N, C-alpha and C. Protein backbone atom coordinates (compact mmCIF):
# COMPACT_ATOMS: atom_id res chain seq x y z
N MET A 1 24.86 16.99 -2.22
CA MET A 1 25.42 15.68 -2.56
C MET A 1 24.39 14.59 -2.25
N THR A 2 24.19 13.68 -3.18
CA THR A 2 23.24 12.59 -2.99
C THR A 2 23.99 11.31 -2.70
N VAL A 3 23.66 10.69 -1.57
CA VAL A 3 24.30 9.44 -1.16
C VAL A 3 23.22 8.42 -0.91
N THR A 4 23.38 7.24 -1.48
CA THR A 4 22.41 6.18 -1.27
C THR A 4 23.09 5.01 -0.57
N LEU A 5 22.49 4.57 0.52
CA LEU A 5 23.05 3.45 1.28
C LEU A 5 21.94 2.44 1.49
N VAL A 6 22.23 1.18 1.20
CA VAL A 6 21.24 0.13 1.41
C VAL A 6 21.42 -0.40 2.83
N ALA A 7 20.41 -0.22 3.66
CA ALA A 7 20.45 -0.71 5.04
C ALA A 7 19.18 -1.49 5.30
N GLN A 8 19.30 -2.55 6.08
CA GLN A 8 18.15 -3.41 6.36
C GLN A 8 17.36 -2.96 7.57
N SER A 9 17.94 -2.12 8.41
CA SER A 9 17.25 -1.72 9.64
C SER A 9 17.67 -0.32 10.04
N PHE A 10 16.84 0.30 10.90
CA PHE A 10 17.16 1.63 11.41
C PHE A 10 18.48 1.60 12.18
N GLY A 11 18.66 0.59 13.03
CA GLY A 11 19.87 0.51 13.83
C GLY A 11 21.13 0.41 12.99
N GLU A 12 21.06 -0.37 11.93
CA GLU A 12 22.21 -0.54 11.04
C GLU A 12 22.59 0.79 10.40
N LEU A 13 21.57 1.53 9.91
CA LEU A 13 21.85 2.81 9.27
C LEU A 13 22.31 3.85 10.28
N LEU A 14 21.71 3.85 11.46
CA LEU A 14 22.12 4.80 12.49
C LEU A 14 23.60 4.59 12.86
N LYS A 15 24.00 3.35 13.03
CA LYS A 15 25.39 3.05 13.37
C LYS A 15 26.34 3.52 12.27
N HIS A 16 25.96 3.27 11.00
CA HIS A 16 26.79 3.70 9.88
C HIS A 16 26.92 5.22 9.86
N LEU A 17 25.80 5.92 10.04
CA LEU A 17 25.82 7.38 9.98
C LEU A 17 26.57 7.98 11.16
N ARG A 18 26.49 7.35 12.33
CA ARG A 18 27.24 7.83 13.49
C ARG A 18 28.74 7.72 13.23
N ARG A 19 29.16 6.58 12.69
CA ARG A 19 30.58 6.40 12.38
C ARG A 19 31.03 7.35 11.26
N ARG A 20 30.12 7.56 10.30
CA ARG A 20 30.42 8.49 9.20
C ARG A 20 30.66 9.90 9.74
N ALA A 21 29.92 10.26 10.80
CA ALA A 21 30.08 11.57 11.42
C ALA A 21 31.23 11.60 12.42
N ARG A 22 31.93 10.47 12.57
CA ARG A 22 33.07 10.33 13.49
C ARG A 22 32.65 10.64 14.94
N LEU A 23 31.52 10.03 15.32
CA LEU A 23 31.02 10.21 16.68
C LEU A 23 31.00 8.87 17.40
N THR A 24 31.29 8.90 18.70
CA THR A 24 31.10 7.72 19.53
C THR A 24 29.63 7.67 19.95
N GLN A 25 29.22 6.54 20.48
CA GLN A 25 27.85 6.44 20.97
C GLN A 25 27.59 7.48 22.06
N ARG A 26 28.59 7.70 22.91
CA ARG A 26 28.45 8.67 24.00
C ARG A 26 28.30 10.09 23.44
N GLU A 27 29.09 10.43 22.43
CA GLU A 27 29.02 11.78 21.85
C GLU A 27 27.67 12.02 21.17
N LEU A 28 27.18 11.00 20.45
CA LEU A 28 25.86 11.15 19.83
C LEU A 28 24.78 11.28 20.89
N ALA A 29 24.88 10.49 21.94
CA ALA A 29 23.92 10.55 23.03
C ALA A 29 23.89 11.94 23.66
N GLN A 30 25.06 12.53 23.85
CA GLN A 30 25.13 13.87 24.45
C GLN A 30 24.48 14.91 23.55
N ARG A 31 24.69 14.79 22.25
CA ARG A 31 24.10 15.74 21.31
C ARG A 31 22.58 15.62 21.24
N VAL A 32 22.10 14.38 21.35
CA VAL A 32 20.67 14.12 21.19
C VAL A 32 19.91 14.30 22.50
N GLY A 33 20.61 14.08 23.63
CA GLY A 33 19.93 14.12 24.92
C GLY A 33 19.52 12.75 25.40
N TYR A 34 20.15 11.72 24.87
CA TYR A 34 19.92 10.34 25.27
C TYR A 34 21.06 9.88 26.17
N THR A 35 20.90 8.69 26.73
CA THR A 35 22.02 8.05 27.41
C THR A 35 22.79 7.23 26.38
N GLU A 36 24.02 6.90 26.70
CA GLU A 36 24.82 6.07 25.80
C GLU A 36 24.16 4.71 25.60
N ALA A 37 23.56 4.17 26.68
CA ALA A 37 22.89 2.87 26.59
C ALA A 37 21.69 2.94 25.64
N HIS A 38 21.00 4.08 25.65
CA HIS A 38 19.85 4.27 24.75
C HIS A 38 20.31 4.20 23.30
N VAL A 39 21.37 4.92 22.96
CA VAL A 39 21.89 4.89 21.60
C VAL A 39 22.34 3.48 21.23
N CYS A 40 22.99 2.80 22.16
CA CYS A 40 23.45 1.43 21.92
C CYS A 40 22.27 0.52 21.59
N ARG A 41 21.17 0.64 22.34
CA ARG A 41 19.99 -0.20 22.09
C ARG A 41 19.33 0.16 20.76
N LEU A 42 19.34 1.44 20.39
CA LEU A 42 18.79 1.83 19.09
C LEU A 42 19.58 1.18 17.96
N GLU A 43 20.91 1.20 18.07
CA GLU A 43 21.75 0.62 17.02
C GLU A 43 21.60 -0.89 16.93
N LYS A 44 21.26 -1.53 18.04
CA LYS A 44 21.05 -2.98 18.04
C LYS A 44 19.60 -3.35 17.74
N ASN A 45 18.76 -2.33 17.44
CA ASN A 45 17.34 -2.54 17.17
C ASN A 45 16.62 -3.17 18.36
N GLU A 46 17.12 -2.85 19.55
CA GLU A 46 16.49 -3.34 20.77
C GLU A 46 15.55 -2.30 21.37
N ARG A 47 15.51 -1.12 20.76
CA ARG A 47 14.62 -0.06 21.22
C ARG A 47 14.02 0.60 20.00
N LEU A 48 12.71 0.93 20.05
CA LEU A 48 12.04 1.55 18.91
C LEU A 48 12.38 3.02 18.83
N PRO A 49 12.74 3.51 17.65
CA PRO A 49 13.03 4.93 17.49
C PRO A 49 11.75 5.74 17.42
N ASP A 50 11.82 7.00 17.84
CA ASP A 50 10.71 7.93 17.68
C ASP A 50 11.00 8.79 16.45
N VAL A 51 10.10 8.74 15.45
CA VAL A 51 10.37 9.41 14.18
C VAL A 51 10.57 10.91 14.37
N THR A 52 9.75 11.52 15.22
CA THR A 52 9.87 12.96 15.45
C THR A 52 11.22 13.31 16.06
N THR A 53 11.66 12.52 17.03
CA THR A 53 12.95 12.76 17.67
C THR A 53 14.09 12.53 16.69
N VAL A 54 13.96 11.52 15.84
CA VAL A 54 14.99 11.27 14.83
C VAL A 54 15.14 12.50 13.93
N ALA A 55 13.99 13.05 13.50
CA ALA A 55 14.03 14.20 12.60
C ALA A 55 14.55 15.45 13.30
N ALA A 56 14.09 15.68 14.52
CA ALA A 56 14.41 16.93 15.21
C ALA A 56 15.77 16.94 15.87
N ARG A 57 16.27 15.77 16.32
CA ARG A 57 17.52 15.75 17.09
C ARG A 57 18.63 14.93 16.44
N ILE A 58 18.30 13.72 16.02
CA ILE A 58 19.35 12.84 15.52
C ILE A 58 19.90 13.32 14.18
N VAL A 59 18.99 13.76 13.28
CA VAL A 59 19.45 14.25 11.97
C VAL A 59 20.44 15.42 12.11
N PRO A 60 20.12 16.46 12.91
CA PRO A 60 21.11 17.54 13.07
C PRO A 60 22.39 17.07 13.76
N ALA A 61 22.24 16.15 14.74
CA ALA A 61 23.41 15.66 15.46
C ALA A 61 24.36 14.92 14.55
N LEU A 62 23.84 14.28 13.51
CA LEU A 62 24.66 13.53 12.56
C LEU A 62 25.11 14.40 11.39
N ASP A 63 24.73 15.68 11.42
CA ASP A 63 25.14 16.64 10.38
C ASP A 63 24.70 16.16 8.99
N LEU A 64 23.39 15.87 8.87
CA LEU A 64 22.85 15.36 7.61
C LEU A 64 22.09 16.41 6.82
N ASP A 65 22.31 17.69 7.12
CA ASP A 65 21.56 18.75 6.46
C ASP A 65 21.69 18.72 4.94
N ASP A 66 22.83 18.28 4.43
CA ASP A 66 23.06 18.27 2.99
C ASP A 66 22.86 16.88 2.37
N SER A 67 22.21 16.00 3.11
CA SER A 67 22.02 14.62 2.61
C SER A 67 20.56 14.20 2.74
N PRO A 68 19.66 14.80 1.93
CA PRO A 68 18.23 14.47 2.06
C PRO A 68 17.92 13.00 1.80
N THR A 69 18.69 12.34 0.93
CA THR A 69 18.44 10.92 0.64
C THR A 69 18.69 10.06 1.87
N LEU A 70 19.79 10.35 2.57
CA LEU A 70 20.09 9.60 3.79
C LEU A 70 19.07 9.89 4.88
N VAL A 71 18.65 11.15 4.98
CA VAL A 71 17.62 11.51 5.97
C VAL A 71 16.34 10.75 5.69
N GLU A 72 15.95 10.72 4.42
CA GLU A 72 14.72 10.00 4.05
C GLU A 72 14.82 8.52 4.39
N GLN A 73 15.98 7.91 4.08
CA GLN A 73 16.17 6.49 4.40
C GLN A 73 16.08 6.26 5.91
N LEU A 74 16.71 7.15 6.67
CA LEU A 74 16.70 7.00 8.12
C LEU A 74 15.28 7.10 8.68
N LEU A 75 14.50 8.06 8.15
CA LEU A 75 13.12 8.24 8.63
C LEU A 75 12.21 7.09 8.19
N VAL A 76 12.41 6.60 6.99
CA VAL A 76 11.62 5.46 6.51
C VAL A 76 11.86 4.24 7.40
N LEU A 77 13.13 3.97 7.71
CA LEU A 77 13.47 2.81 8.55
C LEU A 77 13.00 3.01 9.98
N ALA A 78 13.05 4.25 10.47
CA ALA A 78 12.54 4.53 11.82
C ALA A 78 11.05 4.28 11.89
N ASN A 79 10.34 4.73 10.87
CA ASN A 79 8.89 4.53 10.85
C ASN A 79 8.54 3.06 10.69
N ALA A 80 9.30 2.35 9.84
CA ALA A 80 9.05 0.91 9.65
C ALA A 80 9.27 0.15 10.94
N ALA A 81 10.28 0.56 11.72
CA ALA A 81 10.54 -0.12 12.99
C ALA A 81 9.38 0.05 13.95
N ARG A 82 8.74 1.21 13.92
CA ARG A 82 7.63 1.47 14.84
C ARG A 82 6.33 0.84 14.38
N THR A 83 6.06 0.89 13.07
CA THR A 83 4.77 0.43 12.57
C THR A 83 4.77 -1.00 12.11
N GLY A 84 5.95 -1.58 11.91
CA GLY A 84 6.02 -2.94 11.38
C GLY A 84 6.09 -2.91 9.87
N THR A 85 6.56 -3.99 9.30
CA THR A 85 6.76 -4.03 7.85
C THR A 85 5.49 -4.33 7.08
N SER A 86 4.35 -4.55 7.76
CA SER A 86 3.12 -4.87 7.05
C SER A 86 2.53 -3.67 6.36
N GLU A 87 2.89 -2.46 6.80
CA GLU A 87 2.37 -1.25 6.18
C GLU A 87 3.33 -0.72 5.15
N LYS A 88 2.78 -0.24 4.03
CA LYS A 88 3.61 0.43 3.04
C LYS A 88 3.73 1.88 3.47
N THR A 89 4.96 2.36 3.58
CA THR A 89 5.18 3.69 4.12
C THR A 89 5.94 4.55 3.15
N LYS A 90 5.48 5.77 2.99
CA LYS A 90 6.19 6.73 2.17
C LYS A 90 6.49 7.93 3.03
N VAL A 91 7.76 8.25 3.20
CA VAL A 91 8.18 9.41 3.97
C VAL A 91 8.93 10.33 3.03
N THR A 92 8.47 11.55 2.90
CA THR A 92 9.10 12.51 2.02
C THR A 92 9.70 13.64 2.82
N VAL A 93 10.99 13.90 2.65
CA VAL A 93 11.64 15.01 3.31
C VAL A 93 11.50 16.22 2.41
N ARG A 94 10.78 17.23 2.88
CA ARG A 94 10.47 18.38 2.04
C ARG A 94 11.53 19.48 2.13
N ARG A 95 12.11 19.71 3.30
CA ARG A 95 13.14 20.73 3.42
C ARG A 95 14.05 20.37 4.57
N ILE A 96 15.34 20.57 4.39
CA ILE A 96 16.29 20.27 5.44
C ILE A 96 17.18 21.49 5.65
N ASP A 97 17.24 22.01 6.85
CA ASP A 97 18.24 22.99 7.24
C ASP A 97 18.41 22.90 8.74
N ARG A 98 19.31 23.66 9.28
CA ARG A 98 19.63 23.55 10.70
C ARG A 98 18.52 24.09 11.59
N ARG A 99 17.66 24.93 11.05
CA ARG A 99 16.62 25.55 11.85
C ARG A 99 15.32 24.75 11.84
N GLN A 100 15.03 24.09 10.74
CA GLN A 100 13.72 23.46 10.64
C GLN A 100 13.77 22.26 9.71
N ILE A 101 13.07 21.24 10.07
CA ILE A 101 12.92 20.06 9.23
C ILE A 101 11.43 19.81 9.06
N GLU A 102 10.97 19.80 7.84
CA GLU A 102 9.56 19.51 7.56
C GLU A 102 9.48 18.10 7.00
N ILE A 103 8.55 17.33 7.54
CA ILE A 103 8.39 15.93 7.11
C ILE A 103 6.93 15.72 6.74
N ARG A 104 6.72 15.10 5.61
CA ARG A 104 5.38 14.69 5.22
C ARG A 104 5.38 13.18 5.18
N GLN A 105 4.47 12.58 5.94
CA GLN A 105 4.44 11.13 6.05
C GLN A 105 3.09 10.61 5.61
N GLU A 106 3.09 9.58 4.78
CA GLU A 106 1.85 8.97 4.32
C GLU A 106 1.90 7.49 4.65
N ILE A 107 0.80 6.97 5.17
CA ILE A 107 0.65 5.53 5.33
C ILE A 107 -0.31 5.08 4.24
N VAL A 108 0.20 4.29 3.32
CA VAL A 108 -0.60 3.83 2.19
C VAL A 108 -1.01 2.40 2.46
N GLU A 109 -2.29 2.18 2.55
CA GLU A 109 -2.78 0.85 2.89
C GLU A 109 -3.61 0.30 1.75
N ASP A 110 -3.41 -0.96 1.44
CA ASP A 110 -4.19 -1.61 0.42
C ASP A 110 -5.60 -1.84 0.95
N LEU A 111 -6.59 -1.17 0.33
CA LEU A 111 -7.97 -1.29 0.80
C LEU A 111 -8.64 -2.57 0.30
N GLY A 112 -8.02 -3.24 -0.65
CA GLY A 112 -8.61 -4.47 -1.15
C GLY A 112 -9.49 -4.21 -2.36
N ALA A 113 -10.44 -5.08 -2.59
CA ALA A 113 -11.33 -4.97 -3.74
C ALA A 113 -12.78 -4.97 -3.29
N LEU A 114 -13.62 -4.28 -4.06
CA LEU A 114 -15.04 -4.27 -3.74
C LEU A 114 -15.66 -5.62 -4.08
N GLU A 115 -16.62 -6.00 -3.27
CA GLU A 115 -17.31 -7.27 -3.50
C GLU A 115 -18.46 -7.03 -4.47
N ASP A 116 -18.58 -7.89 -5.46
CA ASP A 116 -19.68 -7.77 -6.42
C ASP A 116 -20.96 -8.36 -5.85
N VAL A 117 -22.08 -7.83 -6.35
CA VAL A 117 -23.37 -8.42 -6.01
C VAL A 117 -23.39 -9.83 -6.61
N PRO A 118 -23.74 -10.84 -5.83
CA PRO A 118 -23.72 -12.22 -6.35
C PRO A 118 -24.59 -12.37 -7.60
N ALA A 119 -24.09 -13.13 -8.55
CA ALA A 119 -24.86 -13.41 -9.77
C ALA A 119 -26.00 -14.37 -9.45
N ALA A 120 -27.02 -14.31 -10.27
CA ALA A 120 -28.17 -15.21 -10.08
C ALA A 120 -27.73 -16.65 -10.33
N PRO A 121 -28.17 -17.58 -9.50
CA PRO A 121 -27.81 -18.98 -9.73
C PRO A 121 -28.41 -19.49 -11.04
N THR A 122 -27.79 -20.51 -11.60
CA THR A 122 -28.24 -21.01 -12.90
C THR A 122 -29.60 -21.71 -12.80
N HIS A 123 -29.85 -22.34 -11.66
CA HIS A 123 -31.13 -23.05 -11.50
C HIS A 123 -31.84 -22.53 -10.26
N TRP A 124 -32.83 -21.71 -10.46
CA TRP A 124 -33.63 -21.22 -9.35
C TRP A 124 -35.00 -20.80 -9.86
N VAL A 125 -35.95 -20.77 -8.98
CA VAL A 125 -37.32 -20.41 -9.34
C VAL A 125 -37.61 -19.00 -8.83
N PRO A 126 -37.77 -18.04 -9.73
CA PRO A 126 -38.07 -16.67 -9.30
C PRO A 126 -39.40 -16.62 -8.55
N ARG A 127 -39.42 -15.87 -7.46
CA ARG A 127 -40.66 -15.66 -6.70
C ARG A 127 -41.08 -14.22 -6.91
N ARG A 128 -41.81 -13.98 -8.00
CA ARG A 128 -42.12 -12.62 -8.41
C ARG A 128 -42.93 -11.87 -7.36
N GLY A 129 -43.87 -12.55 -6.72
CA GLY A 129 -44.70 -11.88 -5.71
C GLY A 129 -43.86 -11.38 -4.54
N LEU A 130 -42.97 -12.23 -4.04
CA LEU A 130 -42.10 -11.85 -2.93
C LEU A 130 -41.14 -10.74 -3.35
N PHE A 131 -40.63 -10.85 -4.57
CA PHE A 131 -39.71 -9.82 -5.06
C PHE A 131 -40.43 -8.47 -5.16
N GLU A 132 -41.62 -8.45 -5.71
CA GLU A 132 -42.36 -7.19 -5.90
C GLU A 132 -42.74 -6.56 -4.56
N ARG A 133 -43.15 -7.39 -3.59
CA ARG A 133 -43.48 -6.85 -2.26
C ARG A 133 -42.23 -6.27 -1.60
N SER A 134 -41.12 -6.99 -1.71
CA SER A 134 -39.86 -6.52 -1.12
C SER A 134 -39.39 -5.23 -1.79
N ALA A 135 -39.48 -5.18 -3.11
CA ALA A 135 -39.07 -3.98 -3.85
C ALA A 135 -39.93 -2.79 -3.47
N ALA A 136 -41.23 -3.02 -3.25
CA ALA A 136 -42.13 -1.93 -2.87
C ALA A 136 -41.75 -1.38 -1.49
N ILE A 137 -41.47 -2.27 -0.54
CA ILE A 137 -41.06 -1.84 0.80
C ILE A 137 -39.74 -1.07 0.73
N LEU A 138 -38.80 -1.62 -0.03
CA LEU A 138 -37.50 -0.98 -0.16
C LEU A 138 -37.63 0.39 -0.82
N GLY A 139 -38.53 0.51 -1.77
CA GLY A 139 -38.72 1.78 -2.46
C GLY A 139 -39.33 2.86 -1.58
N SER A 140 -40.21 2.46 -0.66
CA SER A 140 -40.87 3.46 0.19
C SER A 140 -40.13 3.69 1.49
N GLU A 141 -39.58 2.65 2.08
CA GLU A 141 -38.93 2.77 3.38
C GLU A 141 -37.41 2.98 3.28
N ARG A 142 -36.82 2.66 2.11
CA ARG A 142 -35.38 2.73 1.89
C ARG A 142 -34.59 1.76 2.77
N ARG A 143 -35.27 0.82 3.39
CA ARG A 143 -34.59 -0.21 4.19
C ARG A 143 -35.47 -1.46 4.20
N LEU A 144 -34.82 -2.61 4.33
CA LEU A 144 -35.55 -3.87 4.31
C LEU A 144 -34.71 -4.92 5.02
N THR A 145 -35.33 -5.65 5.93
CA THR A 145 -34.66 -6.74 6.62
C THR A 145 -35.26 -8.06 6.15
N LEU A 146 -34.41 -8.96 5.69
CA LEU A 146 -34.86 -10.27 5.25
C LEU A 146 -34.51 -11.29 6.32
N VAL A 147 -35.51 -12.01 6.79
CA VAL A 147 -35.30 -12.99 7.85
C VAL A 147 -35.85 -14.33 7.38
N GLY A 148 -35.10 -15.40 7.62
CA GLY A 148 -35.57 -16.72 7.24
C GLY A 148 -34.54 -17.77 7.58
N MET A 149 -34.93 -19.00 7.43
CA MET A 149 -34.03 -20.12 7.70
C MET A 149 -32.89 -20.14 6.68
N ALA A 150 -31.79 -20.75 7.07
CA ALA A 150 -30.68 -20.91 6.15
C ALA A 150 -31.13 -21.70 4.93
N GLY A 151 -30.76 -21.21 3.74
CA GLY A 151 -31.14 -21.89 2.50
C GLY A 151 -32.51 -21.51 1.98
N SER A 152 -33.18 -20.55 2.61
CA SER A 152 -34.52 -20.18 2.16
C SER A 152 -34.50 -19.17 1.01
N GLY A 153 -33.31 -18.69 0.62
CA GLY A 153 -33.23 -17.81 -0.55
C GLY A 153 -33.07 -16.33 -0.23
N LYS A 154 -32.67 -15.99 1.00
CA LYS A 154 -32.52 -14.57 1.37
C LYS A 154 -31.46 -13.88 0.52
N THR A 155 -30.31 -14.53 0.35
CA THR A 155 -29.22 -13.92 -0.42
C THR A 155 -29.61 -13.75 -1.88
N ILE A 156 -30.29 -14.74 -2.44
CA ILE A 156 -30.73 -14.66 -3.84
C ILE A 156 -31.70 -13.50 -4.02
N LEU A 157 -32.64 -13.36 -3.09
CA LEU A 157 -33.62 -12.27 -3.17
C LEU A 157 -32.92 -10.91 -3.00
N ALA A 158 -32.01 -10.81 -2.02
CA ALA A 158 -31.30 -9.55 -1.80
C ALA A 158 -30.47 -9.16 -3.02
N ALA A 159 -29.80 -10.14 -3.63
CA ALA A 159 -28.99 -9.87 -4.81
C ALA A 159 -29.87 -9.42 -5.98
N GLU A 160 -31.03 -10.04 -6.12
CA GLU A 160 -31.95 -9.65 -7.19
C GLU A 160 -32.44 -8.21 -6.99
N LEU A 161 -32.75 -7.87 -5.73
CA LEU A 161 -33.15 -6.49 -5.42
C LEU A 161 -32.02 -5.52 -5.70
N ALA A 162 -30.80 -5.90 -5.35
CA ALA A 162 -29.64 -5.03 -5.57
C ALA A 162 -29.40 -4.80 -7.06
N ARG A 163 -29.53 -5.86 -7.86
CA ARG A 163 -29.30 -5.71 -9.30
C ARG A 163 -30.35 -4.83 -9.96
N ASN A 164 -31.49 -4.67 -9.33
CA ASN A 164 -32.56 -3.85 -9.89
C ASN A 164 -32.54 -2.40 -9.39
N GLN A 165 -31.52 -2.04 -8.61
CA GLN A 165 -31.37 -0.65 -8.16
C GLN A 165 -30.57 0.12 -9.22
N HIS A 166 -31.17 0.37 -10.35
CA HIS A 166 -30.45 0.97 -11.47
C HIS A 166 -30.06 2.42 -11.21
N ASP A 167 -30.81 3.12 -10.37
CA ASP A 167 -30.56 4.54 -10.15
C ASP A 167 -29.59 4.82 -9.01
N LEU A 168 -29.23 3.79 -8.24
CA LEU A 168 -28.38 3.98 -7.08
C LEU A 168 -27.23 2.97 -7.07
N PRO A 169 -26.04 3.40 -6.63
CA PRO A 169 -24.95 2.43 -6.46
C PRO A 169 -25.26 1.50 -5.29
N VAL A 170 -24.85 0.26 -5.38
CA VAL A 170 -25.14 -0.73 -4.35
C VAL A 170 -23.84 -1.16 -3.67
N PHE A 171 -23.83 -1.07 -2.35
CA PHE A 171 -22.70 -1.56 -1.55
C PHE A 171 -23.06 -2.95 -1.04
N TRP A 172 -22.30 -3.94 -1.45
CA TRP A 172 -22.56 -5.33 -1.04
C TRP A 172 -21.38 -5.84 -0.24
N LEU A 173 -21.66 -6.33 0.97
CA LEU A 173 -20.60 -6.87 1.81
C LEU A 173 -21.11 -8.11 2.51
N THR A 174 -20.44 -9.21 2.29
CA THR A 174 -20.77 -10.46 2.97
C THR A 174 -19.97 -10.52 4.26
N LEU A 175 -20.65 -10.58 5.39
CA LEU A 175 -19.97 -10.64 6.68
C LEU A 175 -19.47 -12.06 6.92
N THR A 176 -18.16 -12.18 7.00
CA THR A 176 -17.53 -13.49 7.18
C THR A 176 -16.78 -13.49 8.50
N ASP A 177 -17.06 -14.46 9.34
CA ASP A 177 -16.43 -14.55 10.65
C ASP A 177 -14.91 -14.59 10.52
N GLY A 178 -14.25 -13.68 11.24
CA GLY A 178 -12.80 -13.64 11.23
C GLY A 178 -12.19 -12.91 10.05
N VAL A 179 -13.01 -12.44 9.11
CA VAL A 179 -12.48 -11.76 7.92
C VAL A 179 -13.06 -10.36 7.76
N SER A 180 -14.38 -10.27 7.69
CA SER A 180 -14.99 -8.99 7.35
C SER A 180 -16.06 -8.52 8.34
N GLU A 181 -16.12 -9.14 9.52
CA GLU A 181 -17.18 -8.75 10.44
C GLU A 181 -16.75 -7.64 11.39
N THR A 182 -15.47 -7.29 11.41
CA THR A 182 -15.01 -6.26 12.34
C THR A 182 -15.39 -4.87 11.83
N ALA A 183 -15.45 -3.93 12.76
CA ALA A 183 -15.77 -2.55 12.39
C ALA A 183 -14.74 -2.00 11.42
N ALA A 184 -13.46 -2.32 11.65
CA ALA A 184 -12.39 -1.82 10.78
C ALA A 184 -12.56 -2.33 9.36
N ALA A 185 -12.91 -3.61 9.21
CA ALA A 185 -13.09 -4.18 7.88
C ALA A 185 -14.28 -3.55 7.16
N ILE A 186 -15.35 -3.29 7.90
CA ILE A 186 -16.54 -2.68 7.30
C ILE A 186 -16.23 -1.24 6.88
N ILE A 187 -15.55 -0.49 7.75
CA ILE A 187 -15.20 0.90 7.42
C ILE A 187 -14.26 0.94 6.22
N ARG A 188 -13.31 0.00 6.15
CA ARG A 188 -12.39 -0.05 5.02
C ARG A 188 -13.15 -0.31 3.72
N ALA A 189 -14.11 -1.23 3.76
CA ALA A 189 -14.89 -1.53 2.57
C ALA A 189 -15.75 -0.34 2.16
N LEU A 190 -16.33 0.36 3.15
CA LEU A 190 -17.13 1.56 2.85
C LEU A 190 -16.26 2.66 2.26
N ALA A 191 -15.04 2.80 2.77
CA ALA A 191 -14.13 3.81 2.24
C ALA A 191 -13.79 3.52 0.79
N LEU A 192 -13.52 2.26 0.48
CA LEU A 192 -13.21 1.88 -0.90
C LEU A 192 -14.42 2.12 -1.80
N PHE A 193 -15.61 1.83 -1.28
CA PHE A 193 -16.85 2.06 -2.04
C PHE A 193 -17.00 3.55 -2.35
N GLY A 194 -16.75 4.39 -1.34
CA GLY A 194 -16.83 5.83 -1.54
C GLY A 194 -15.82 6.32 -2.57
N LEU A 195 -14.58 5.82 -2.48
CA LEU A 195 -13.56 6.21 -3.44
C LEU A 195 -13.95 5.80 -4.86
N ALA A 196 -14.53 4.61 -4.98
CA ALA A 196 -14.93 4.11 -6.29
C ALA A 196 -16.02 4.95 -6.92
N HIS A 197 -16.76 5.70 -6.07
CA HIS A 197 -17.85 6.53 -6.58
C HIS A 197 -17.55 8.02 -6.42
N GLY A 198 -16.26 8.35 -6.43
CA GLY A 198 -15.86 9.75 -6.48
C GLY A 198 -15.86 10.50 -5.17
N GLN A 199 -15.97 9.79 -4.05
CA GLN A 199 -15.94 10.45 -2.75
C GLN A 199 -14.54 10.35 -2.18
N ALA A 200 -13.78 11.44 -2.26
CA ALA A 200 -12.40 11.42 -1.80
C ALA A 200 -12.28 11.57 -0.30
N ARG A 201 -13.31 12.06 0.37
CA ARG A 201 -13.26 12.27 1.83
C ARG A 201 -14.39 11.51 2.50
């Protein structure tokens, strides 16, 4: 039997399912191994649920073996309560019976968009000698550090070098204070770059 219930929180759905099973808070607590106060706080969303415990103890205690849709909703809301609503969460219930519950959980995060190599400015004077020396170093050493005063043209030169790397993909990331300078932001951008070029792992 498929039953769909719209609930805004884990506690709201837990309370509904407990009443549906004709259990008091004390009876559910005894079945799960919690105190009555613990169950009360869960239903009031004053305590965070543990997804594994919900799957292993609360689901059987509520006799939800034949209601995979309700189980999935309960697990999704339990996970959302723990991780916060900022993450997109997909929880799939693969098999339900009294002996075993298998859960596959995915956290799907928006990686954002890759940054393009900056386009050449409309008015600038190419410095062919500097470009050729830089390209030669980059070609032999595979690395190059550009140092200079602000406004001296480092970004323009780097972008020109990047646009001329026809045989290799170019990863371009502008480090912005408070946005993209953290290790997590850099790793996320590198992961997206790898995915864009066929690297799934």
